[in-house]
Amino acid sequence: MSLTLAKWTIDEYHHMIETGLLDNRRVELLKGEIVEMSPEGEAHAYFSSEAEDYLRGLLGNRVTIRSGKPITLPDSSEPEPDIAVVQKLGREYLAHHPYPKNIFWLIEYANSSLEKDLNIKTKIYAEVGIKEYWVINLKKRQLIVFREPQETEYASRSTLNTGIIYSLAFPDVAIEVNAIIN
């Protein structure tokens, strides 16, 4: 017997949120499926908050930095990355969450969610053309950088433990790897 999963659209997902059906549930919509999110441990909360402050200091008013807020993707996905560095569109975000065209890059801090962030989310983000996606492996204190989306994969993947990195969107801003992983 084969099972057919019910897939949800973004509008249906928003309706569930508006009616309170998903209150007190940490979930995100991935490819039409409502997926439970892992709880944030102390290290996850600390490092993502510190990185958010650090990036806000480096990038200033050039961007909006959204922490743990939804982004809307055209493949029936509405994930909530730990950090989304997006265009500064002000009140336009009252009408919609950032779309791929509004996103400079995304960052996920991963401990128990590492497999989901490295396997499922990379495919989702590559498929919709997110140019840059960073995953911080909290267990190994590594920054894994994905670039060059091609269909459902990233052509470029590199792992850093130290040094300086420049985002594709802001090649004039030096980001210290240690400031976001340690």
C-alpha atoms as a PDB file:
ATOM      1  CA  MET A   1       0.000   0.000   0.000  1.00  0.00           C
ATOM      2  CA  SER A   2       1.462   3.342  -0.975  1.00  0.00           C
ATOM      3  CA  LEU A   3       0.737   6.436   1.044  1.00  0.00           C
ATOM      4  CA  THR A   4      -0.072   9.792  -0.468  1.00  0.00           C
ATOM      5  CA  LEU A   5       0.800  12.750   1.708  1.00  0.00           C
ATOM      6  CA  ALA A   6      -1.473  15.772   1.710  1.00  0.00           C
ATOM      7  CA  LYS A   7       0.482  18.760   0.450  1.00  0.00           C
ATOM      8  CA  TRP A   8      -0.302  22.273   1.654  1.00  0.00           C
ATOM      9  CA  THR A   9      -0.091  25.500  -0.298  1.00  0.00           C
ATOM     10  CA  ILE A  10       1.357  28.636   1.177  1.00  0.00           C
ATOM     11  CA  ASP A  11      -2.156  30.176   1.305  1.00  0.00           C
ATOM     12  CA  GLU A  12      -3.496  27.154   3.202  1.00  0.00           C
ATOM     13  CA  TYR A  13      -0.520  27.311   5.576  1.00  0.00           C
ATOM     14  CA  HIS A  14      -1.144  31.026   6.199  1.00  0.00           C
ATOM     15  CA  HIS A  15      -4.810  30.269   6.865  1.00  0.00           C
ATOM     16  CA  MET A  16      -3.808  27.669   9.488  1.00  0.00           C
ATOM     17  CA  ILE A  17      -1.564  30.273  11.116  1.00  0.00           C
ATOM     18  CA  GLU A  18      -4.307  32.945  11.071  1.00  0.00           C
ATOM     19  CA  THR A  19      -6.879  30.613  12.635  1.00  0.00           C
ATOM     20  CA  GLY A  20      -4.486  29.646  15.435  1.00  0.00           C
ATOM     21  CA  LEU A  21      -4.293  26.014  14.364  1.00  0.00           C
ATOM     22  CA  LEU A  22      -0.490  26.082  14.578  1.00  0.00           C
ATOM     23  CA  ASP A  23      -0.220  28.174  17.762  1.00  0.00           C
ATOM     24  CA  ASN A  24       2.425  26.891  20.154  1.00  0.00           C
ATOM     25  CA  ARG A  25       3.915  24.686  17.424  1.00  0.00           C
ATOM     26  CA  ARG A  26       7.397  25.286  16.062  1.00  0.00           C
ATOM     27  CA  VAL A  27       6.871  24.361  12.433  1.00  0.00           C
ATOM     28  CA  GLU A  28       7.843  25.441   8.940  1.00  0.00           C
ATOM     29  CA  LEU A  29       6.480  24.616   5.505  1.00  0.00           C
ATOM     30  CA  LEU A  30       8.935  22.689   3.300  1.00  0.00           C
ATOM     31  CA  LYS A  31       7.828  21.595  -0.184  1.00  0.00           C
ATOM     32  CA  GLY A  32       4.195  21.587   0.916  1.00  0.00           C
ATOM     33  CA  GLU A  33       4.802  19.586   4.106  1.00  0.00           C
ATOM     34  CA  ILE A  34       4.490  21.023   7.602  1.00  0.00           C
ATOM     35  CA  VAL A  35       7.700  20.037   9.365  1.00  0.00           C
ATOM     36  CA  GLU A  36       8.473  20.287  13.083  1.00  0.00           C
ATOM     37  CA  MET A  37      11.460  22.484  13.886  1.00  0.00           C
ATOM     38  CA  SER A  38      14.073  21.364  16.397  1.00  0.00           C
ATOM     39  CA  PRO A  39      14.082  23.254  19.680  1.00  0.00           C
ATOM     40  CA  GLU A  40      16.899  25.765  20.074  1.00  0.00           C
ATOM     41  CA  GLY A  41      19.532  24.789  22.581  1.00  0.00           C
ATOM     42  CA  GLU A  42      21.638  27.322  24.431  1.00  0.00           C
ATOM     43  CA  ALA A  43      24.547  27.239  21.953  1.00  0.00           C
ATOM     44  CA  HIS A  44      22.199  27.648  18.983  1.00  0.00           C
ATOM     45  CA  ALA A  45      20.419  30.627  20.555  1.00  0.00           C
ATOM     46  CA  TYR A  46      23.658  32.262  21.704  1.00  0.00           C
ATOM     47  CA  PHE A  47      25.660  31.949  18.485  1.00  0.00           C
ATOM     48  CA  SER A  48      22.820  32.945  16.167  1.00  0.00           C
ATOM     49  CA  SER A  49      22.059  36.028  18.300  1.00  0.00           C
ATOM     50  CA  GLU A  50      25.723  37.023  18.403  1.00  0.00           C
ATOM     51  CA  ALA A  51      26.067  36.556  14.632  1.00  0.00           C
ATOM     52  CA  GLU A  52      22.958  38.627  14.032  1.00  0.00           C
ATOM     53  CA  ASP A  53      24.405  41.506  16.088  1.00  0.00           C
ATOM     54  CA  TYR A  54      27.804  41.158  14.403  1.00  0.00           C
ATOM     55  CA  LEU A  55      26.351  41.210  10.879  1.00  0.00           C
ATOM     56  CA  ARG A  56      24.059  44.115  11.708  1.00  0.00           C
ATOM     57  CA  GLY A  57      27.135  46.058  12.852  1.00  0.00           C
ATOM     58  CA  LEU A  58      29.035  45.230   9.654  1.00  0.00           C
ATOM     59  CA  LEU A  59      26.217  45.790   7.165  1.00  0.00           C
ATOM     60  CA  GLY A  60      24.384  48.646   8.895  1.00  0.00           C
ATOM     61  CA  ASN A  61      21.500  50.159   6.955  1.00  0.00           C
ATOM     62  CA  ARG A  62      22.344  48.357   3.713  1.00  0.00           C
ATOM     63  CA  VAL A  63      20.161  45.357   4.628  1.00  0.00           C
ATOM     64  CA  THR A  64      17.468  44.059   6.902  1.00  0.00           C
ATOM     65  CA  ILE A  65      18.507  41.141   9.057  1.00  0.00           C
ATOM     66  CA  ARG A  66      15.630  38.864  10.010  1.00  0.00           C
ATOM     67  CA  SER A  67      16.117  36.257  12.724  1.00  0.00           C
ATOM     68  CA  GLY A  68      13.956  33.164  12.755  1.00  0.00           C
ATOM     69  CA  LYS A  69      11.372  34.784  10.501  1.00  0.00           C
ATOM     70  CA  PRO A  70       9.699  33.193   7.476  1.00  0.00           C
ATOM     71  CA  ILE A  71      10.755  33.593   3.876  1.00  0.00           C
ATOM     72  CA  THR A  72       8.326  32.683   1.094  1.00  0.00           C
ATOM     73  CA  LEU A  73       9.546  30.459  -1.728  1.00  0.00           C
ATOM     74  CA  PRO A  74       7.687  29.521  -4.914  1.00  0.00           C
ATOM     75  CA  ASP A  75       7.903  25.766  -4.254  1.00  0.00           C
ATOM     76  CA  SER A  76       5.279  25.719  -1.470  1.00  0.00           C
ATOM     77  CA  SER A  77       7.956  26.370   1.135  1.00  0.00           C
ATOM     78  CA  GLU A  78       8.057  28.875   3.915  1.00  0.00           C
ATOM     79  CA  PRO A  79      11.115  28.034   6.003  1.00  0.00           C
ATOM     80  CA  GLU A  80      12.311  30.114   8.936  1.00  0.00           C
ATOM     81  CA  PRO A  81      16.105  30.397   8.661  1.00  0.00           C
ATOM     82  CA  ASP A  82      18.027  31.485  11.730  1.00  0.00           C
ATOM     83  CA  ILE A  83      19.301  34.544   9.856  1.00  0.00           C
ATOM     84  CA  ALA A  84      18.074  35.962   6.570  1.00  0.00           C
ATOM     85  CA  VAL A  85      20.024  38.880   5.139  1.00  0.00           C
ATOM     86  CA  VAL A  86      17.493  40.575   2.874  1.00  0.00           C
ATOM     87  CA  GLN A  87      16.786  43.760   0.946  1.00  0.00           C
ATOM     88  CA  LYS A  88      15.672  46.677   3.033  1.00  0.00           C
ATOM     89  CA  LEU A  89      12.064  47.015   1.839  1.00  0.00           C
ATOM     90  CA  GLY A  90      10.506  48.419   5.016  1.00  0.00           C
ATOM     91  CA  ARG A  91       6.729  48.243   5.168  1.00  0.00           C
ATOM     92  CA  GLU A  92       6.549  46.147   2.005  1.00  0.00           C
ATOM     93  CA  TYR A  93       7.198  43.191   4.317  1.00  0.00           C
ATOM     94  CA  LEU A  94       3.756  43.816   5.834  1.00  0.00           C
ATOM     95  CA  ALA A  95       2.318  42.401   2.591  1.00  0.00           C
ATOM     96  CA  HIS A  96       4.708  39.455   2.150  1.00  0.00           C
ATOM     97  CA  HIS A  97       7.725  37.761   3.626  1.00  0.00           C
ATOM     98  CA  PRO A  98      10.962  38.081   1.624  1.00  0.00           C
ATOM     99  CA  TYR A  99      10.937  36.258  -1.704  1.00  0.00           C
ATOM    100  CA  PRO A 100      14.092  34.733  -3.264  1.00  0.00           C
ATOM    101  CA  LYS A 101      14.701  37.939  -5.262  1.00  0.00           C
ATOM    102  CA  ASN A 102      14.831  39.861  -1.937  1.00  0.00           C
ATOM    103  CA  ILE A 103      17.340  37.516  -0.258  1.00  0.00           C
ATOM    104  CA  PHE A 104      21.087  38.214  -0.226  1.00  0.00           C
ATOM    105  CA  TRP A 105      21.945  35.100   1.785  1.00  0.00           C
ATOM    106  CA  LEU A 106      20.653  32.741   4.465  1.00  0.00           C
ATOM    107  CA  ILE A 107      22.311  31.299   7.552  1.00  0.00           C
ATOM    108  CA  GLU A 108      21.304  28.270   9.604  1.00  0.00           C
ATOM    109  CA  TYR A 109      22.848  27.205  12.904  1.00  0.00           C
ATOM    110  CA  ALA A 110      22.628  23.440  13.171  1.00  0.00           C
ATOM    111  CA  ASN A 111      23.068  20.937  15.906  1.00  0.00           C
ATOM    112  CA  SER A 112      20.265  18.379  15.858  1.00  0.00           C
ATOM    113  CA  SER A 113      18.936  19.832  12.566  1.00  0.00           C
ATOM    114  CA  LEU A 114      22.215  19.400  10.674  1.00  0.00           C
ATOM    115  CA  GLU A 115      20.955  16.673   8.335  1.00  0.00           C
ATOM    116  CA  LYS A 116      17.835  18.682   7.402  1.00  0.00           C
ATOM    117  CA  ASP A 117      19.860  21.861   6.876  1.00  0.00           C
ATOM    118  CA  LEU A 118      22.549  20.166   4.766  1.00  0.00           C
ATOM    119  CA  ASN A 119      20.343  17.879   2.692  1.00  0.00           C
ATOM    120  CA  ILE A 120      16.751  19.085   2.500  1.00  0.00           C
ATOM    121  CA  LYS A 121      17.169  22.846   2.759  1.00  0.00           C
ATOM    122  CA  THR A 122      20.126  23.006   0.366  1.00  0.00           C
ATOM    123  CA  LYS A 123      17.960  21.444  -2.324  1.00  0.00           C
ATOM    124  CA  ILE A 124      15.024  23.764  -1.603  1.00  0.00           C
ATOM    125  CA  TYR A 125      17.211  26.883  -1.591  1.00  0.00           C
ATOM    126  CA  ALA A 126      19.191  25.897  -4.693  1.00  0.00           C
ATOM    127  CA  GLU A 127      16.004  25.094  -6.604  1.00  0.00           C
ATOM    128  CA  VAL A 128      14.622  28.622  -6.055  1.00  0.00           C
ATOM    129  CA  GLY A 129      17.961  30.308  -6.806  1.00  0.00           C
ATOM    130  CA  ILE A 130      19.129  31.481  -3.375  1.00  0.00           C
ATOM    131  CA  LYS A 131      22.641  32.562  -4.350  1.00  0.00           C
ATOM    132  CA  GLU A 132      24.311  31.893  -1.024  1.00  0.00           C
ATOM    133  CA  TYR A 133      23.466  29.662   1.940  1.00  0.00           C
ATOM    134  CA  TRP A 134      25.617  29.182   5.040  1.00  0.00           C
ATOM    135  CA  VAL A 135      25.270  26.393   7.587  1.00  0.00           C
ATOM    136  CA  ILE A 136      27.124  26.564  10.886  1.00  0.00           C
ATOM    137  CA  ASN A 137      27.802  23.082  12.232  1.00  0.00           C
ATOM    138  CA  LEU A 138      27.734  23.754  15.973  1.00  0.00           C
ATOM    139  CA  LYS A 139      29.259  20.378  16.891  1.00  0.00           C
ATOM    140  CA  LYS A 140      32.382  20.900  14.778  1.00  0.00           C
ATOM    141  CA  ARG A 141      32.397  24.735  14.855  1.00  0.00           C
ATOM    142  CA  GLN A 142      32.525  24.903  11.063  1.00  0.00           C
ATOM    143  CA  LEU A 143      31.015  27.240   8.508  1.00  0.00           C
ATOM    144  CA  ILE A 144      29.774  25.389   5.430  1.00  0.00           C
ATOM    145  CA  VAL A 145      29.217  27.739   2.491  1.00  0.00           C
ATOM    146  CA  PHE A 146      26.979  26.854  -0.446  1.00  0.00           C
ATOM    147  CA  ARG A 147      27.111  28.954  -3.630  1.00  0.00           C
ATOM    148  CA  GLU A 148      26.226  28.718  -7.319  1.00  0.00           C
ATOM    149  CA  PRO A 149      22.739  27.178  -7.292  1.00  0.00           C
ATOM    150  CA  GLN A 150      22.103  24.842 -10.227  1.00  0.00           C
ATOM    151  CA  GLU A 151      18.713  23.139 -10.338  1.00  0.00           C
ATOM    152  CA  THR A 152      18.419  21.367  -6.962  1.00  0.00           C
ATOM    153  CA  GLU A 153      22.087  21.476  -5.936  1.00  0.00           C
ATOM    154  CA  TYR A 154      24.808  24.004  -5.236  1.00  0.00           C
ATOM    155  CA  ALA A 155      27.849  23.686  -7.501  1.00  0.00           C
ATOM    156  CA  SER A 156      30.148  25.139  -4.844  1.00  0.00           C
ATOM    157  CA  ARG A 157      30.525  23.914  -1.273  1.00  0.00           C
ATOM    158  CA  SER A 158      33.361  24.915   1.024  1.00  0.00           C
ATOM    159  CA  THR A 159      34.051  24.439   4.725  1.00  0.00           C
ATOM    160  CA  LEU A 160      35.822  27.021   6.855  1.00  0.00           C
ATOM    161  CA  ASN A 161      37.064  26.883  10.443  1.00  0.00           C
ATOM    162  CA  THR A 162      38.759  30.273  10.546  1.00  0.00           C
ATOM    163  CA  GLY A 163      39.745  33.209   8.355  1.00  0.00           C
ATOM    164  CA  ILE A 164      37.788  35.859   6.487  1.00  0.00           C
ATOM    165  CA  ILE A 165      34.856  35.371   4.119  1.00  0.00           C
ATOM    166  CA  TYR A 166      33.166  37.846   1.795  1.00  0.00           C
ATOM    167  CA  SER A 167      29.520  37.353   0.911  1.00  0.00           C
ATOM    168  CA  LEU A 168      28.671  37.427  -2.772  1.00  0.00           C
ATOM    169  CA  ALA A 169      26.264  40.326  -2.232  1.00  0.00           C
ATOM    170  CA  PHE A 170      28.744  42.476  -0.274  1.00  0.00           C
ATOM    171  CA  PRO A 171      32.277  41.713  -1.478  1.00  0.00           C
ATOM    172  CA  ASP A 172      33.510  44.873   0.251  1.00  0.00           C
ATOM    173  CA  VAL A 173      32.606  43.568   3.741  1.00  0.00           C
ATOM    174  CA  ALA A 174      35.097  41.270   5.468  1.00  0.00           C
ATOM    175  CA  ILE A 175      33.345  38.785   7.763  1.00  0.00           C
ATOM    176  CA  GLU A 176      35.486  37.027  10.352  1.00  0.00           C
ATOM    177  CA  VAL A 177      34.564  33.356  10.416  1.00  0.00           C
ATOM    178  CA  ASN A 178      35.389  33.105  14.133  1.00  0.00           C
ATOM    179  CA  ALA A 179      32.881  35.860  14.878  1.00  0.00           C
ATOM    180  CA  ILE A 180      30.029  33.707  13.633  1.00  0.00           C
ATOM    181  CA  ILE A 181      31.150  30.209  14.688  1.00  0.00           C
ATOM    182  CA  ASN A 182      32.892  30.732  18.066  1.00  0.00           C
END
